[in-house]
PDB file of N, CA and C in Angstrom:
ATOM      1  N   MET A   1     -16.842 -62.486 -55.041  1.00  0.00           N
ATOM      2  CA  MET A   1     -18.081 -62.494 -55.470  1.00  0.00           C
ATOM      3  C   MET A   1     -18.556 -63.107 -56.828  1.00  0.00           C
ATOM      4  N   LYS A   2     -19.888 -63.511 -56.014  1.00  0.00           N
ATOM      5  CA  LYS A   2     -20.313 -64.541 -57.140  1.00  0.00           C
ATOM      6  C   LYS A   2     -20.224 -64.039 -58.528  1.00  0.00           C
ATOM      7  N   GLU A   3     -20.174 -64.634 -60.024  1.00  0.00           N
ATOM      8  CA  GLU A   3     -20.092 -64.311 -61.055  1.00  0.00           C
ATOM      9  C   GLU A   3     -21.897 -64.632 -61.254  1.00  0.00           C
ATOM     10  N   GLY A   4     -22.241 -63.572 -62.308  1.00  0.00           N
ATOM     11  CA  GLY A   4     -23.112 -63.349 -63.026  1.00  0.00           C
ATOM     12  C   GLY A   4     -24.667 -63.152 -62.019  1.00  0.00           C
ATOM     13  N   ILE A   5     -24.458 -63.152 -61.157  1.00  0.00           N
ATOM     14  CA  ILE A   5     -25.688 -62.430 -60.438  1.00  0.00           C
ATOM     15  C   ILE A   5     -25.713 -61.166 -59.519  1.00  0.00           C
ATOM     16  N   HIS A   6     -24.543 -60.374 -60.256  1.00  0.00           N
ATOM     17  CA  HIS A   6     -24.825 -59.177 -59.868  1.00  0.00           C
ATOM     18  C   HIS A   6     -25.315 -58.222 -61.289  1.00  0.00           C
ATOM     19  N   PRO A   7     -26.102 -57.127 -60.951  1.00  0.00           N
ATOM     20  CA  PRO A   7     -25.908 -56.413 -62.138  1.00  0.00           C
ATOM     21  C   PRO A   7     -24.804 -55.978 -63.075  1.00  0.00           C
ATOM     22  N   LYS A   8     -25.327 -55.347 -63.960  1.00  0.00           N
ATOM     23  CA  LYS A   8     -24.034 -54.978 -65.153  1.00  0.00           C
ATOM     24  C   LYS A   8     -23.835 -53.185 -64.875  1.00  0.00           C
ATOM     25  N   THR A   9     -23.186 -52.784 -64.459  1.00  0.00           N
ATOM     26  CA  THR A   9     -22.638 -51.167 -63.975  1.00  0.00           C
ATOM     27  C   THR A   9     -22.003 -50.503 -65.456  1.00  0.00           C
ATOM     28  N   TYR A  10     -22.353 -49.912 -65.372  1.00  0.00           N
ATOM     29  CA  TYR A  10     -22.287 -48.260 -66.481  1.00  0.00           C
ATOM     30  C   TYR A  10     -21.360 -47.332 -65.908  1.00  0.00           C
ATOM     31  N   PRO A  11     -20.251 -46.757 -67.034  1.00  0.00           N
ATOM     32  CA  PRO A  11     -19.849 -45.384 -66.248  1.00  0.00           C
ATOM     33  C   PRO A  11     -21.183 -44.482 -66.692  1.00  0.00           C
ATOM     34  N   VAL A  12     -21.213 -43.188 -65.826  1.00  0.00           N
ATOM     35  CA  VAL A  12     -22.217 -42.674 -66.229  1.00  0.00           C
ATOM     36  C   VAL A  12     -21.295 -40.996 -65.620  1.00  0.00           C
ATOM     37  N   LEU A  13     -22.421 -39.433 -65.963  1.00  0.00           N
ATOM     38  CA  LEU A  13     -21.686 -38.871 -65.537  1.00  0.00           C
ATOM     39  C   LEU A  13     -23.593 -38.161 -65.107  1.00  0.00           C
ATOM     40  N   PHE A  14     -22.996 -37.681 -63.889  1.00  0.00           N
ATOM     41  CA  PHE A  14     -23.838 -36.733 -63.266  1.00  0.00           C
ATOM     42  C   PHE A  14     -23.932 -35.473 -63.185  1.00  0.00           C
ATOM     43  N   VAL A  15     -25.235 -35.050 -63.929  1.00  0.00           N
ATOM     44  CA  VAL A  15     -25.456 -33.613 -64.188  1.00  0.00           C
ATOM     45  C   VAL A  15     -25.936 -32.567 -62.932  1.00  0.00           C
ATOM     46  N   ASP A  16     -25.373 -32.235 -62.205  1.00  0.00           N
ATOM     47  CA  ASP A  16     -26.683 -31.230 -61.857  1.00  0.00           C
ATOM     48  C   ASP A  16     -26.008 -29.733 -61.771  1.00  0.00           C
ATOM     49  N   GLY A  17     -27.196 -28.772 -63.175  1.00  0.00           N
ATOM     50  CA  GLY A  17     -26.586 -27.523 -62.936  1.00  0.00           C
ATOM     51  C   GLY A  17     -25.720 -27.694 -63.438  1.00  0.00           C
ATOM     52  N   ASP A  18     -24.755 -26.807 -62.946  1.00  0.00           N
ATOM     53  CA  ASP A  18     -22.809 -26.374 -62.860  1.00  0.00           C
ATOM     54  C   ASP A  18     -21.882 -27.555 -62.581  1.00  0.00           C
ATOM     55  N   HIS A  19     -22.635 -28.527 -61.746  1.00  0.00           N
ATOM     56  CA  HIS A  19     -21.635 -29.210 -61.561  1.00  0.00           C
ATOM     57  C   HIS A  19     -21.797 -30.543 -62.019  1.00  0.00           C
ATOM     58  N   GLN A  20     -21.013 -31.499 -61.978  1.00  0.00           N
ATOM     59  CA  GLN A  20     -20.699 -32.853 -62.870  1.00  0.00           C
ATOM     60  C   GLN A  20     -19.729 -34.461 -62.076  1.00  0.00           C
ATOM     61  N   TRP A  21     -19.770 -34.910 -62.006  1.00  0.00           N
ATOM     62  CA  TRP A  21     -19.319 -35.989 -61.271  1.00  0.00           C
ATOM     63  C   TRP A  21     -19.363 -37.585 -61.938  1.00  0.00           C
ATOM     64  N   THR A  22     -18.619 -37.987 -62.212  1.00  0.00           N
ATOM     65  CA  THR A  22     -18.323 -39.836 -62.463  1.00  0.00           C
ATOM     66  C   THR A  22     -19.137 -40.575 -61.509  1.00  0.00           C
ATOM     67  N   GLY A  23     -19.327 -41.147 -61.707  1.00  0.00           N
ATOM     68  CA  GLY A  23     -19.688 -42.691 -61.331  1.00  0.00           C
ATOM     69  C   GLY A  23     -20.123 -44.006 -62.118  1.00  0.00           C
ATOM     70  N   VAL A  24     -20.531 -44.898 -61.081  1.00  0.00           N
ATOM     71  CA  VAL A  24     -21.407 -46.016 -61.766  1.00  0.00           C
ATOM     72  C   VAL A  24     -22.592 -45.972 -61.399  1.00  0.00           C
ATOM     73  N   SER A  25     -23.413 -46.806 -62.618  1.00  0.00           N
ATOM     74  CA  SER A  25     -24.726 -47.176 -62.202  1.00  0.00           C
ATOM     75  C   SER A  25     -25.137 -48.095 -63.099  1.00  0.00           C
ATOM     76  N   THR A  26     -26.524 -48.840 -62.699  1.00  0.00           N
ATOM     77  CA  THR A  26     -26.957 -49.304 -63.915  1.00  0.00           C
ATOM     78  C   THR A  26     -27.989 -49.127 -65.039  1.00  0.00           C
ATOM     79  N   ASN A  27     -28.217 -47.624 -64.695  1.00  0.00           N
ATOM     80  CA  ASN A  27     -28.978 -47.070 -66.013  1.00  0.00           C
ATOM     81  C   ASN A  27     -28.277 -46.315 -66.954  1.00  0.00           C
ATOM     82  N   LYS A  28     -28.801 -46.305 -68.040  1.00  0.00           N
ATOM     83  CA  LYS A  28     -28.279 -46.107 -69.196  1.00  0.00           C
ATOM     84  C   LYS A  28     -29.057 -45.179 -69.858  1.00  0.00           C
ATOM     85  N   THR A  29     -28.934 -44.052 -70.447  1.00  0.00           N
ATOM     86  CA  THR A  29     -29.296 -43.004 -71.312  1.00  0.00           C
ATOM     87  C   THR A  29     -29.042 -42.759 -72.345  1.00  0.00           C
ATOM     88  N   ALA A  30     -29.800 -42.182 -73.133  1.00  0.00           N
ATOM     89  CA  ALA A  30     -29.371 -42.118 -74.548  1.00  0.00           C
ATOM     90  C   ALA A  30     -28.438 -40.830 -74.669  1.00  0.00           C
ATOM     91  N   THR A  31     -28.113 -40.063 -74.143  1.00  0.00           N
ATOM     92  CA  THR A  31     -27.108 -39.018 -74.469  1.00  0.00           C
ATOM     93  C   THR A  31     -25.422 -39.932 -73.935  1.00  0.00           C
ATOM     94  N   THR A  32     -24.584 -39.824 -74.283  1.00  0.00           N
ATOM     95  CA  THR A  32     -23.161 -39.612 -73.582  1.00  0.00           C
ATOM     96  C   THR A  32     -22.579 -38.844 -74.145  1.00  0.00           C
ATOM     97  N   LYS A  33     -21.090 -38.856 -73.382  1.00  0.00           N
ATOM     98  CA  LYS A  33     -20.042 -38.023 -72.815  1.00  0.00           C
ATOM     99  C   LYS A  33     -19.029 -38.197 -72.819  1.00  0.00           C
ATOM    100  N   SER A  34     -17.859 -38.141 -73.218  1.00  0.00           N
ATOM    101  CA  SER A  34     -16.653 -38.642 -73.282  1.00  0.00           C
ATOM    102  C   SER A  34     -15.556 -38.133 -71.803  1.00  0.00           C
ATOM    103  N   VAL A  35     -14.893 -38.499 -71.041  1.00  0.00           N
ATOM    104  CA  VAL A  35     -14.031 -38.309 -69.930  1.00  0.00           C
ATOM    105  C   VAL A  35     -13.876 -38.709 -70.142  1.00  0.00           C
ATOM    106  N   ASP A  36     -11.896 -38.017 -70.263  1.00  0.00           N
ATOM    107  CA  ASP A  36     -11.114 -38.932 -70.219  1.00  0.00           C
ATOM    108  C   ASP A  36     -10.880 -39.986 -71.345  1.00  0.00           C
ATOM    109  N   GLY A  37     -11.302 -39.941 -72.260  1.00  0.00           N
ATOM    110  CA  GLY A  37     -11.539 -40.684 -73.440  1.00  0.00           C
ATOM    111  C   GLY A  37     -12.536 -41.805 -73.192  1.00  0.00           C
ATOM    112  N   VAL A  38     -13.206 -42.247 -71.986  1.00  0.00           N
ATOM    113  CA  VAL A  38     -14.185 -43.158 -71.861  1.00  0.00           C
ATOM    114  C   VAL A  38     -15.635 -42.375 -71.956  1.00  0.00           C
ATOM    115  N   ASP A  39     -16.458 -43.606 -72.814  1.00  0.00           N
ATOM    116  CA  ASP A  39     -17.804 -42.692 -72.968  1.00  0.00           C
ATOM    117  C   ASP A  39     -18.706 -42.990 -71.537  1.00  0.00           C
ATOM    118  N   HIS A  40     -19.408 -41.948 -71.153  1.00  0.00           N
ATOM    119  CA  HIS A  40     -20.235 -42.045 -69.833  1.00  0.00           C
ATOM    120  C   HIS A  40     -21.571 -41.598 -70.057  1.00  0.00           C
ATOM    121  N   TYR A  41     -22.648 -42.150 -69.797  1.00  0.00           N
ATOM    122  CA  TYR A  41     -24.169 -42.063 -69.740  1.00  0.00           C
ATOM    123  C   TYR A  41     -24.386 -40.470 -68.668  1.00  0.00           C
ATOM    124  N   VAL A  42     -25.034 -40.087 -69.477  1.00  0.00           N
ATOM    125  CA  VAL A  42     -25.518 -38.528 -68.830  1.00  0.00           C
ATOM    126  C   VAL A  42     -26.735 -38.894 -68.034  1.00  0.00           C
ATOM    127  N   VAL A  43     -26.984 -38.477 -66.740  1.00  0.00           N
ATOM    128  CA  VAL A  43     -27.978 -38.589 -66.266  1.00  0.00           C
ATOM    129  C   VAL A  43     -28.413 -37.014 -65.862  1.00  0.00           C
ATOM    130  N   ASN A  44     -28.703 -36.568 -66.045  1.00  0.00           N
ATOM    131  CA  ASN A  44     -28.960 -35.458 -65.605  1.00  0.00           C
ATOM    132  C   ASN A  44     -30.286 -35.010 -64.412  1.00  0.00           C
ATOM    133  N   LEU A  45     -29.580 -34.421 -62.755  1.00  0.00           N
ATOM    134  CA  LEU A  45     -30.377 -34.142 -61.773  1.00  0.00           C
ATOM    135  C   LEU A  45     -31.065 -33.117 -61.500  1.00  0.00           C
ATOM    136  N   GLU A  46     -32.088 -33.433 -60.466  1.00  0.00           N
ATOM    137  CA  GLU A  46     -32.736 -31.838 -60.510  1.00  0.00           C
ATOM    138  C   GLU A  46     -32.285 -31.163 -59.218  1.00  0.00           C
ATOM    139  N   ILE A  47     -31.984 -32.254 -58.564  1.00  0.00           N
ATOM    140  CA  ILE A  47     -31.107 -32.036 -57.229  1.00  0.00           C
ATOM    141  C   ILE A  47     -30.381 -32.873 -56.614  1.00  0.00           C
ATOM    142  N   SER A  48     -29.334 -32.140 -55.926  1.00  0.00           N
ATOM    143  CA  SER A  48     -28.391 -33.038 -54.994  1.00  0.00           C
ATOM    144  C   SER A  48     -27.565 -32.672 -54.125  1.00  0.00           C
ATOM    145  N   ALA A  49     -26.292 -32.971 -53.474  1.00  0.00           N
ATOM    146  CA  ALA A  49     -26.112 -32.383 -51.944  1.00  0.00           C
ATOM    147  C   ALA A  49     -25.231 -31.024 -52.642  1.00  0.00           C
ATOM    148  N   TYR A  50     -25.147 -30.747 -54.088  1.00  0.00           N
ATOM    149  CA  TYR A  50     -24.415 -29.296 -54.533  1.00  0.00           C
ATOM    150  C   TYR A  50     -25.508 -28.238 -54.751  1.00  0.00           C
ATOM    151  N   THR A  51     -27.113 -28.906 -54.423  1.00  0.00           N
ATOM    152  CA  THR A  51     -27.449 -27.875 -55.114  1.00  0.00           C
ATOM    153  C   THR A  51     -29.058 -27.650 -53.293  1.00  0.00           C
ATOM    154  N   HIS A  52     -28.824 -29.094 -53.141  1.00  0.00           N
ATOM    155  CA  HIS A  52     -30.019 -29.029 -51.998  1.00  0.00           C
ATOM    156  C   HIS A  52     -29.689 -28.040 -50.666  1.00  0.00           C
ATOM    157  N   PRO A  53     -30.787 -27.891 -50.294  1.00  0.00           N
ATOM    158  CA  PRO A  53     -30.922 -25.890 -49.397  1.00  0.00           C
ATOM    159  C   PRO A  53     -30.466 -26.502 -48.197  1.00  0.00           C
ATOM    160  N   PHE A  54     -30.892 -27.954 -47.908  1.00  0.00           N
ATOM    161  CA  PHE A  54     -30.303 -28.497 -46.899  1.00  0.00           C
ATOM    162  C   PHE A  54     -28.537 -28.829 -46.972  1.00  0.00           C
ATOM    163  N   TYR A  55     -28.213 -28.889 -47.482  1.00  0.00           N
ATOM    164  CA  TYR A  55     -26.718 -29.308 -47.283  1.00  0.00           C
ATOM    165  C   TYR A  55     -26.018 -28.396 -47.970  1.00  0.00           C
ATOM    166  N   THR A  56     -26.589 -26.842 -48.762  1.00  0.00           N
ATOM    167  CA  THR A  56     -25.916 -25.933 -48.923  1.00  0.00           C
ATOM    168  C   THR A  56     -26.150 -24.538 -48.038  1.00  0.00           C
ATOM    169  N   GLY A  57     -26.894 -24.869 -46.891  1.00  0.00           N
ATOM    170  CA  GLY A  57     -26.692 -24.072 -45.723  1.00  0.00           C
ATOM    171  C   GLY A  57     -27.989 -23.037 -45.631  1.00  0.00           C
ATOM    172  N   GLN A  58     -28.721 -23.082 -46.622  1.00  0.00           N
ATOM    173  CA  GLN A  58     -29.608 -21.769 -46.717  1.00  0.00           C
ATOM    174  C   GLN A  58     -31.144 -22.429 -46.075  1.00  0.00           C
ATOM    175  N   LYS A  59     -31.382 -23.780 -45.836  1.00  0.00           N
ATOM    176  CA  LYS A  59     -32.490 -24.126 -45.111  1.00  0.00           C
ATOM    177  C   LYS A  59     -31.959 -24.357 -43.602  1.00  0.00           C
ATOM    178  N   ARG A  60     -32.312 -24.838 -42.952  1.00  0.00           N
ATOM    179  CA  ARG A  60     -32.031 -25.002 -41.200  1.00  0.00           C
ATOM    180  C   ARG A  60     -33.273 -26.022 -40.751  1.00  0.00           C
ATOM    181  N   LEU A  61     -32.568 -27.478 -40.126  1.00  0.00           N
ATOM    182  CA  LEU A  61     -33.826 -28.170 -39.930  1.00  0.00           C
ATOM    183  C   LEU A  61     -33.403 -28.220 -38.116  1.00  0.00           C
ATOM    184  N   VAL A  62     -34.608 -27.391 -37.566  1.00  0.00           N
ATOM    185  CA  VAL A  62     -34.805 -26.711 -36.019  1.00  0.00           C
ATOM    186  C   VAL A  62     -35.556 -27.393 -36.088  1.00  0.00           C
ATOM    187  N   ASP A  63     -35.295 -28.373 -34.811  1.00  0.00           N
ATOM    188  CA  ASP A  63     -36.696 -29.394 -34.126  1.00  0.00           C
ATOM    189  C   ASP A  63     -36.059 -29.097 -32.366  1.00  0.00           C
ATOM    190  N   THR A  64     -37.263 -28.220 -31.687  1.00  0.00           N
ATOM    191  CA  THR A  64     -36.923 -28.075 -30.648  1.00  0.00           C
ATOM    192  C   THR A  64     -37.217 -28.718 -29.676  1.00  0.00           C
ATOM    193  N   ALA A  65     -38.241 -29.092 -30.406  1.00  0.00           N
ATOM    194  CA  ALA A  65     -39.372 -29.962 -29.381  1.00  0.00           C
ATOM    195  C   ALA A  65     -39.711 -31.960 -30.078  1.00  0.00           C
ATOM    196  N   GLY A  66     -40.196 -32.506 -29.491  1.00  0.00           N
ATOM    197  CA  GLY A  66     -40.173 -33.973 -29.810  1.00  0.00           C
ATOM    198  C   GLY A  66     -41.539 -33.883 -30.299  1.00  0.00           C
ATOM    199  N   ARG A  67     -41.849 -35.311 -30.877  1.00  0.00           N
ATOM    200  CA  ARG A  67     -42.940 -35.546 -31.625  1.00  0.00           C
ATOM    201  C   ARG A  67     -44.437 -35.730 -30.776  1.00  0.00           C
ATOM    202  N   VAL A  68     -44.231 -35.751 -29.400  1.00  0.00           N
ATOM    203  CA  VAL A  68     -45.159 -36.432 -28.397  1.00  0.00           C
ATOM    204  C   VAL A  68     -45.558 -34.910 -27.832  1.00  0.00           C
ATOM    205  N   GLU A  69     -43.963 -33.771 -27.448  1.00  0.00           N
ATOM    206  CA  GLU A  69     -44.932 -32.056 -27.421  1.00  0.00           C
ATOM    207  C   GLU A  69     -45.064 -31.358 -28.652  1.00  0.00           C
ATOM    208  N   LYS A  70     -45.564 -31.433 -29.579  1.00  0.00           N
ATOM    209  CA  LYS A  70     -45.653 -30.921 -31.107  1.00  0.00           C
ATOM    210  C   LYS A  70     -47.284 -31.721 -31.201  1.00  0.00           C
ATOM    211  N   PHE A  71     -47.831 -33.252 -30.778  1.00  0.00           N
ATOM    212  CA  PHE A  71     -49.047 -33.015 -30.617  1.00  0.00           C
ATOM    213  C   PHE A  71     -49.672 -32.480 -29.426  1.00  0.00           C
ATOM    214  N   MET A  72     -49.302 -32.414 -28.257  1.00  0.00           N
ATOM    215  CA  MET A  72     -49.854 -32.128 -26.930  1.00  0.00           C
ATOM    216  C   MET A  72     -50.075 -30.821 -27.429  1.00  0.00           C
ATOM    217  N   ARG A  73     -49.208 -30.066 -27.746  1.00  0.00           N
ATOM    218  CA  ARG A  73     -49.074 -28.209 -28.009  1.00  0.00           C
ATOM    219  C   ARG A  73     -50.331 -28.282 -29.442  1.00  0.00           C
ATOM    220  N   ARG A  74     -50.775 -29.256 -30.234  1.00  0.00           N
ATOM    221  CA  ARG A  74     -51.605 -29.162 -31.395  1.00  0.00           C
ATOM    222  C   ARG A  74     -52.831 -29.452 -30.884  1.00  0.00           C
ATOM    223  N   TYR A  75     -52.872 -30.707 -30.388  1.00  0.00           N
ATOM    224  CA  TYR A  75     -53.931 -31.401 -29.921  1.00  0.00           C
ATOM    225  C   TYR A  75     -54.652 -31.216 -28.361  1.00  0.00           C
ATOM    226  N   GLY A  76     -53.689 -31.159 -27.441  1.00  0.00           N
ATOM    227  CA  GLY A  76     -53.326 -31.486 -26.088  1.00  0.00           C
ATOM    228  C   GLY A  76     -55.375 -30.852 -25.743  1.00  0.00           C
ATOM    229  N   THR A  77     -55.774 -29.920 -25.925  1.00  0.00           N
ATOM    230  CA  THR A  77     -56.720 -29.396 -25.718  1.00  0.00           C
ATOM    231  C   THR A  77     -58.363 -30.542 -26.223  1.00  0.00           C
ATOM    232  N   GLN A  78     -57.868 -30.844 -27.230  1.00  0.00           N
ATOM    233  CA  GLN A  78     -58.978 -31.851 -27.684  1.00  0.00           C
ATOM    234  C   GLN A  78     -59.353 -33.033 -26.756  1.00  0.00           C
ATOM    235  N   VAL A  79     -57.530 -33.788 -26.645  1.00  0.00           N
ATOM    236  CA  VAL A  79     -56.964 -34.940 -25.909  1.00  0.00           C
ATOM    237  C   VAL A  79     -57.894 -35.068 -24.336  1.00  0.00           C
ATOM    238  N   GLU A  80     -57.550 -33.197 -23.557  1.00  0.00           N
ATOM    239  CA  GLU A  80     -58.155 -33.047 -22.154  1.00  0.00           C
ATOM    240  C   GLU A  80     -59.450 -33.463 -22.248  1.00  0.00           C
ATOM    241  N   LYS A  81     -60.097 -32.864 -23.083  1.00  0.00           N
ATOM    242  CA  LYS A  81     -61.857 -32.760 -23.382  1.00  0.00           C
ATOM    243  C   LYS A  81     -62.551 -34.560 -23.329  1.00  0.00           C
ATOM    244  N   GLN A  82     -61.814 -34.919 -24.352  1.00  0.00           N
ATOM    245  CA  GLN A  82     -61.918 -36.376 -24.578  1.00  0.00           C
ATOM    246  C   GLN A  82     -61.828 -37.151 -23.496  1.00  0.00           C
ATOM    247  N   ASN A  83     -60.501 -36.827 -22.115  1.00  0.00           N
ATOM    248  CA  ASN A  83     -60.687 -37.613 -21.214  1.00  0.00           C
ATOM    249  C   ASN A  83     -61.396 -36.937 -20.220  1.00  0.00           C
ATOM    250  N   ALA A  84     -61.443 -36.129 -20.267  1.00  0.00           N
ATOM    251  CA  ALA A  84     -62.679 -35.567 -19.156  1.00  0.00           C
ATOM    252  C   ALA A  84     -63.685 -35.760 -19.496  1.00  0.00           C
ATOM    253  N   LYS A  85     -64.649 -36.122 -20.369  1.00  0.00           N
ATOM    254  CA  LYS A  85     -66.000 -36.920 -21.053  1.00  0.00           C
ATOM    255  C   LYS A  85     -65.974 -38.145 -20.798  1.00  0.00           C
ATOM    256  N   ALA A  86     -65.286 -39.098 -21.217  1.00  0.00           N
ATOM    257  CA  ALA A  86     -64.540 -40.382 -20.293  1.00  0.00           C
ATOM    258  C   ALA A  86     -64.897 -40.507 -19.022  1.00  0.00           C
ATOM    259  N   ALA A  87     -64.341 -40.044 -18.361  1.00  0.00           N
ATOM    260  CA  ALA A  87     -63.983 -39.903 -16.957  1.00  0.00           C
ATOM    261  C   ALA A  87     -65.279 -39.720 -16.403  1.00  0.00           C
ATOM    262  N   GLU A  88     -66.326 -38.798 -16.907  1.00  0.00           N
ATOM    263  CA  GLU A  88     -67.807 -38.330 -16.244  1.00  0.00           C
ATOM    264  C   GLU A  88     -68.765 -39.552 -16.602  1.00  0.00           C
ATOM    265  N   LYS A  89     -68.365 -40.315 -17.388  1.00  0.00           N
ATOM    266  CA  LYS A  89     -69.218 -41.184 -18.315  1.00  0.00           C
ATOM    267  C   LYS A  89     -69.216 -42.290 -17.091  1.00  0.00           C
ATOM    268  N   ASN A  90     -67.783 -42.837 -16.964  1.00  0.00           N
ATOM    269  CA  ASN A  90     -67.356 -43.453 -16.283  1.00  0.00           C
ATOM    270  C   ASN A  90     -68.196 -43.765 -14.845  1.00  0.00           C
ATOM    271  N   LYS A  91     -67.969 -42.426 -13.941  1.00  0.00           N
ATOM    272  CA  LYS A  91     -68.663 -42.106 -12.458  1.00  0.00           C
ATOM    273  C   LYS A  91     -69.855 -42.929 -12.549  1.00  0.00           C
TER     274      LYS A  91
END
């Protein structure tokens, strides 16, 4: 890697409720916590893979129809009316 072009990274402790894990980040915070003798900056998260409903299984994403089918279901009658008006106008 080239010297001097990469941002400085710091040891970070990510906290999401009861879950904590260490990592590195370019962000620093005012609070620190010692983990295994190393001071880590504490970053509080509102949501992560531990608490997000999609990852915890509390919410399921079901897409049974594509985008075009959803559009036609919602606005199909309006589109048909516009096409009929345009066809009559061209006669």
